[in-house]
Amino acid sequence: MSAQRLDKETFNWPVRVYWEDTDAGGIVFYANYLKFFERARTEWLRAKGISQQALKEATGGMFVVGEVQVRFLKSARLDDELLLTTSLQEAGRASMTIHQQALLSTATGPVLLCEATVRAGWVQASTLKPDRIPTQILHALT
């Protein structure tokens, strides 16, 4: 199976900004967007029936992030309500590319704050060597 371009669906996950997410200036510390995106990817997988712990136990494999490109556009602040989006862009034999956004919920509509492209590869958990994504997982993702 070769890499496929996918724009099938977008998963949404709401997040509120808490004190612990902010820096001394009261804005979201830049690295916390990566935490928000990680949580949204985990919930996206759960929504597709994929528990990462159960997956590791059943297959001996797991996804690891190999590359992230992030664009910071605007700042989120304490108590803001964000909507995190996750969509699969491309799936290949051993990796997938995911597009994610952090959107600020406003009365006039969502405002893009941050976006990322994440490449996650499949590895054997015991050796961390690359391997093929199990077919049943690829089918669940695409």
C-alpha atoms as a PDB file:
ATOM      1  CA  MET A   1       0.000   0.000   0.000  1.00  0.00           C
ATOM      2  CA  SER A   2       1.505   3.329  -1.003  1.00  0.00           C
ATOM      3  CA  ALA A   3       0.978   6.613   0.792  1.00  0.00           C
ATOM      4  CA  GLN A   4      -2.517   7.997   0.422  1.00  0.00           C
ATOM      5  CA  ARG A   5      -3.693  11.604   0.612  1.00  0.00           C
ATOM      6  CA  LEU A   6      -6.658  11.791   2.941  1.00  0.00           C
ATOM      7  CA  ASP A   7      -9.045  14.602   3.835  1.00  0.00           C
ATOM      8  CA  LYS A   8     -11.896  12.383   4.972  1.00  0.00           C
ATOM      9  CA  GLU A   9     -12.788  13.766   8.363  1.00  0.00           C
ATOM     10  CA  THR A  10     -11.716  16.147  11.053  1.00  0.00           C
ATOM     11  CA  PHE A  11     -11.838  15.195  14.718  1.00  0.00           C
ATOM     12  CA  ASN A  12     -12.590  17.972  17.219  1.00  0.00           C
ATOM     13  CA  TRP A  13     -11.564  18.035  20.887  1.00  0.00           C
ATOM     14  CA  PRO A  14     -12.445  20.954  23.217  1.00  0.00           C
ATOM     15  CA  VAL A  15      -9.900  22.266  25.732  1.00  0.00           C
ATOM     16  CA  ARG A  16     -10.074  25.063  28.268  1.00  0.00           C
ATOM     17  CA  VAL A  17      -6.890  26.937  29.127  1.00  0.00           C
ATOM     18  CA  TYR A  18      -6.003  26.559  32.806  1.00  0.00           C
ATOM     19  CA  TRP A  19      -3.547  28.472  34.981  1.00  0.00           C
ATOM     20  CA  GLU A  20      -0.993  25.663  34.630  1.00  0.00           C
ATOM     21  CA  ASP A  21      -1.009  26.120  30.830  1.00  0.00           C
ATOM     22  CA  THR A  22       0.070  29.753  30.960  1.00  0.00           C
ATOM     23  CA  ASP A  23       3.332  31.609  31.468  1.00  0.00           C
ATOM     24  CA  ALA A  24       3.980  34.622  33.699  1.00  0.00           C
ATOM     25  CA  GLY A  25       2.278  36.845  31.125  1.00  0.00           C
ATOM     26  CA  GLY A  26      -0.967  34.873  31.322  1.00  0.00           C
ATOM     27  CA  ILE A  27      -0.692  33.451  27.808  1.00  0.00           C
ATOM     28  CA  VAL A  28      -0.372  29.797  26.850  1.00  0.00           C
ATOM     29  CA  PHE A  29       3.262  28.745  27.020  1.00  0.00           C
ATOM     30  CA  TYR A  30       4.255  27.776  23.477  1.00  0.00           C
ATOM     31  CA  ALA A  31       5.271  24.168  24.309  1.00  0.00           C
ATOM     32  CA  ASN A  32       1.836  23.488  25.787  1.00  0.00           C
ATOM     33  CA  TYR A  33       0.304  23.535  22.314  1.00  0.00           C
ATOM     34  CA  LEU A  34       2.246  20.320  21.682  1.00  0.00           C
ATOM     35  CA  LYS A  35       0.650  18.821  24.806  1.00  0.00           C
ATOM     36  CA  PHE A  36      -2.791  19.917  23.621  1.00  0.00           C
ATOM     37  CA  PHE A  37      -2.133  18.354  20.213  1.00  0.00           C
ATOM     38  CA  GLU A  38      -0.898  15.105  21.785  1.00  0.00           C
ATOM     39  CA  ARG A  39      -4.092  14.812  23.829  1.00  0.00           C
ATOM     40  CA  ALA A  40      -6.229  15.509  20.779  1.00  0.00           C
ATOM     41  CA  ARG A  41      -4.380  12.813  18.766  1.00  0.00           C
ATOM     42  CA  THR A  42      -4.885  10.322  21.591  1.00  0.00           C
ATOM     43  CA  GLU A  43      -8.616  11.104  21.738  1.00  0.00           C
ATOM     44  CA  TRP A  44      -8.812  10.905  17.919  1.00  0.00           C
ATOM     45  CA  LEU A  45      -7.353   7.385  18.077  1.00  0.00           C
ATOM     46  CA  ARG A  46      -9.775   6.450  20.889  1.00  0.00           C
ATOM     47  CA  ALA A  47     -12.690   7.709  18.802  1.00  0.00           C
ATOM     48  CA  LYS A  48     -11.527   5.298  16.094  1.00  0.00           C
ATOM     49  CA  GLY A  49     -11.474   2.422  18.602  1.00  0.00           C
ATOM     50  CA  ILE A  50      -7.691   2.451  19.087  1.00  0.00           C
ATOM     51  CA  SER A  51      -6.331   2.424  22.635  1.00  0.00           C
ATOM     52  CA  GLN A  52      -2.600   3.014  22.495  1.00  0.00           C
ATOM     53  CA  GLN A  53      -1.881   0.878  25.562  1.00  0.00           C
ATOM     54  CA  ALA A  54      -4.012  -2.018  24.300  1.00  0.00           C
ATOM     55  CA  LEU A  55      -2.431  -1.630  20.871  1.00  0.00           C
ATOM     56  CA  LYS A  56       1.063  -1.896  22.329  1.00  0.00           C
ATOM     57  CA  GLU A  57       0.101  -4.960  24.361  1.00  0.00           C
ATOM     58  CA  ALA A  58      -1.587  -6.691  21.405  1.00  0.00           C
ATOM     59  CA  THR A  59       0.942  -5.902  18.661  1.00  0.00           C
ATOM     60  CA  GLY A  60       4.172  -4.998  20.432  1.00  0.00           C
ATOM     61  CA  GLY A  61       4.232  -1.783  18.430  1.00  0.00           C
ATOM     62  CA  MET A  62       3.472   1.869  18.973  1.00  0.00           C
ATOM     63  CA  PHE A  63       3.401   5.235  17.270  1.00  0.00           C
ATOM     64  CA  VAL A  64       6.225   7.692  17.927  1.00  0.00           C
ATOM     65  CA  VAL A  65       6.457  11.277  16.761  1.00  0.00           C
ATOM     66  CA  GLY A  66       9.341  11.741  14.366  1.00  0.00           C
ATOM     67  CA  GLU A  67       8.754  15.264  13.137  1.00  0.00           C
ATOM     68  CA  VAL A  68       6.630  18.283  14.017  1.00  0.00           C
ATOM     69  CA  GLN A  69       6.242  21.550  12.155  1.00  0.00           C
ATOM     70  CA  VAL A  70       4.432  24.237  14.141  1.00  0.00           C
ATOM     71  CA  ARG A  71       3.156  27.695  13.217  1.00  0.00           C
ATOM     72  CA  PHE A  72       2.206  30.034  16.055  1.00  0.00           C
ATOM     73  CA  LEU A  73      -0.171  32.749  14.877  1.00  0.00           C
ATOM     74  CA  LYS A  74      -1.913  34.211  17.946  1.00  0.00           C
ATOM     75  CA  SER A  75      -1.876  33.640  21.686  1.00  0.00           C
ATOM     76  CA  ALA A  76      -4.442  31.852  23.809  1.00  0.00           C
ATOM     77  CA  ARG A  77      -5.002  33.129  27.340  1.00  0.00           C
ATOM     78  CA  LEU A  78      -6.205  31.882  30.696  1.00  0.00           C
ATOM     79  CA  ASP A  79      -9.813  30.577  30.591  1.00  0.00           C
ATOM     80  CA  ASP A  80     -10.010  30.628  26.788  1.00  0.00           C
ATOM     81  CA  GLU A  81     -12.015  27.837  25.218  1.00  0.00           C
ATOM     82  CA  LEU A  82     -10.094  26.152  22.425  1.00  0.00           C
ATOM     83  CA  LEU A  83     -11.123  23.626  19.843  1.00  0.00           C
ATOM     84  CA  LEU A  84      -8.345  21.286  18.764  1.00  0.00           C
ATOM     85  CA  THR A  85      -8.712  19.640  15.381  1.00  0.00           C
ATOM     86  CA  THR A  86      -7.006  16.519  14.122  1.00  0.00           C
ATOM     87  CA  SER A  87      -7.149  15.145  10.596  1.00  0.00           C
ATOM     88  CA  LEU A  88      -5.160  12.461   8.854  1.00  0.00           C
ATOM     89  CA  GLN A  89      -3.380  13.890   5.826  1.00  0.00           C
ATOM     90  CA  GLU A  90      -1.448  10.892   4.637  1.00  0.00           C
ATOM     91  CA  ALA A  91      -1.038   7.252   5.643  1.00  0.00           C
ATOM     92  CA  GLY A  92       1.774   5.025   4.483  1.00  0.00           C
ATOM     93  CA  ARG A  93       3.125   1.617   5.389  1.00  0.00           C
ATOM     94  CA  ALA A  94       5.192   2.776   8.352  1.00  0.00           C
ATOM     95  CA  SER A  95       4.114   6.353   9.106  1.00  0.00           C
ATOM     96  CA  MET A  96       1.282   8.825   8.953  1.00  0.00           C
ATOM     97  CA  THR A  97       1.060  12.587   8.655  1.00  0.00           C
ATOM     98  CA  ILE A  98      -1.511  14.435  10.735  1.00  0.00           C
ATOM     99  CA  HIS A  99      -2.641  18.050  10.508  1.00  0.00           C
ATOM    100  CA  GLN A 100      -3.726  19.738  13.727  1.00  0.00           C
ATOM    101  CA  GLN A 101      -5.072  23.152  14.664  1.00  0.00           C
ATOM    102  CA  ALA A 102      -5.793  25.045  17.865  1.00  0.00           C
ATOM    103  CA  LEU A 103      -8.754  27.334  17.332  1.00  0.00           C
ATOM    104  CA  LEU A 104     -10.071  29.958  19.748  1.00  0.00           C
ATOM    105  CA  SER A 105     -13.834  29.763  20.152  1.00  0.00           C
ATOM    106  CA  THR A 106     -15.342  33.242  19.779  1.00  0.00           C
ATOM    107  CA  ALA A 107     -18.852  34.602  19.322  1.00  0.00           C
ATOM    108  CA  THR A 108     -18.039  35.421  15.702  1.00  0.00           C
ATOM    109  CA  GLY A 109     -16.491  32.048  14.924  1.00  0.00           C
ATOM    110  CA  PRO A 110     -13.233  30.178  15.412  1.00  0.00           C
ATOM    111  CA  VAL A 111      -9.875  31.979  15.217  1.00  0.00           C
ATOM    112  CA  LEU A 112      -6.778  29.992  14.244  1.00  0.00           C
ATOM    113  CA  LEU A 113      -4.091  30.306  16.920  1.00  0.00           C
ATOM    114  CA  CYS A 114      -1.657  27.536  16.121  1.00  0.00           C
ATOM    115  CA  GLU A 115      -1.316  24.719  13.623  1.00  0.00           C
ATOM    116  CA  ALA A 116       0.988  21.761  13.291  1.00  0.00           C
ATOM    117  CA  THR A 117       1.875  18.975  10.923  1.00  0.00           C
ATOM    118  CA  VAL A 118       2.931  15.847  12.793  1.00  0.00           C
ATOM    119  CA  ARG A 119       4.615  12.790  11.288  1.00  0.00           C
ATOM    120  CA  ALA A 120       4.271   9.713  13.471  1.00  0.00           C
ATOM    121  CA  GLY A 121       6.013   6.463  12.677  1.00  0.00           C
ATOM    122  CA  TRP A 122       5.251   2.925  13.770  1.00  0.00           C
ATOM    123  CA  VAL A 123       7.993   1.148  15.745  1.00  0.00           C
ATOM    124  CA  GLN A 124       8.397  -2.055  17.686  1.00  0.00           C
ATOM    125  CA  ALA A 125       8.162  -0.979  21.329  1.00  0.00           C
ATOM    126  CA  SER A 126      10.965  -3.253  22.534  1.00  0.00           C
ATOM    127  CA  THR A 127      13.576  -2.098  20.005  1.00  0.00           C
ATOM    128  CA  LEU A 128      12.192   1.231  18.717  1.00  0.00           C
ATOM    129  CA  LYS A 129      12.986   0.001  15.205  1.00  0.00           C
ATOM    130  CA  PRO A 130      10.624   1.066  12.405  1.00  0.00           C
ATOM    131  CA  ASP A 131       8.029  -1.459  11.294  1.00  0.00           C
ATOM    132  CA  ARG A 132       4.875  -1.570   9.185  1.00  0.00           C
ATOM    133  CA  ILE A 133       1.674  -0.255  10.690  1.00  0.00           C
ATOM    134  CA  PRO A 134      -0.643  -3.261  11.216  1.00  0.00           C
ATOM    135  CA  THR A 135      -3.249  -3.517   8.471  1.00  0.00           C
ATOM    136  CA  GLN A 136      -6.178  -3.377  10.918  1.00  0.00           C
ATOM    137  CA  ILE A 137      -4.866  -0.079  12.295  1.00  0.00           C
ATOM    138  CA  LEU A 138      -4.473   1.416   8.819  1.00  0.00           C
ATOM    139  CA  HIS A 139      -8.058   0.410   8.018  1.00  0.00           C
ATOM    140  CA  ALA A 140      -9.325   2.019  11.230  1.00  0.00           C
ATOM    141  CA  LEU A 141      -7.448   5.246  10.445  1.00  0.00           C
ATOM    142  CA  THR A 142      -8.463   5.613   6.807  1.00  0.00           C
END
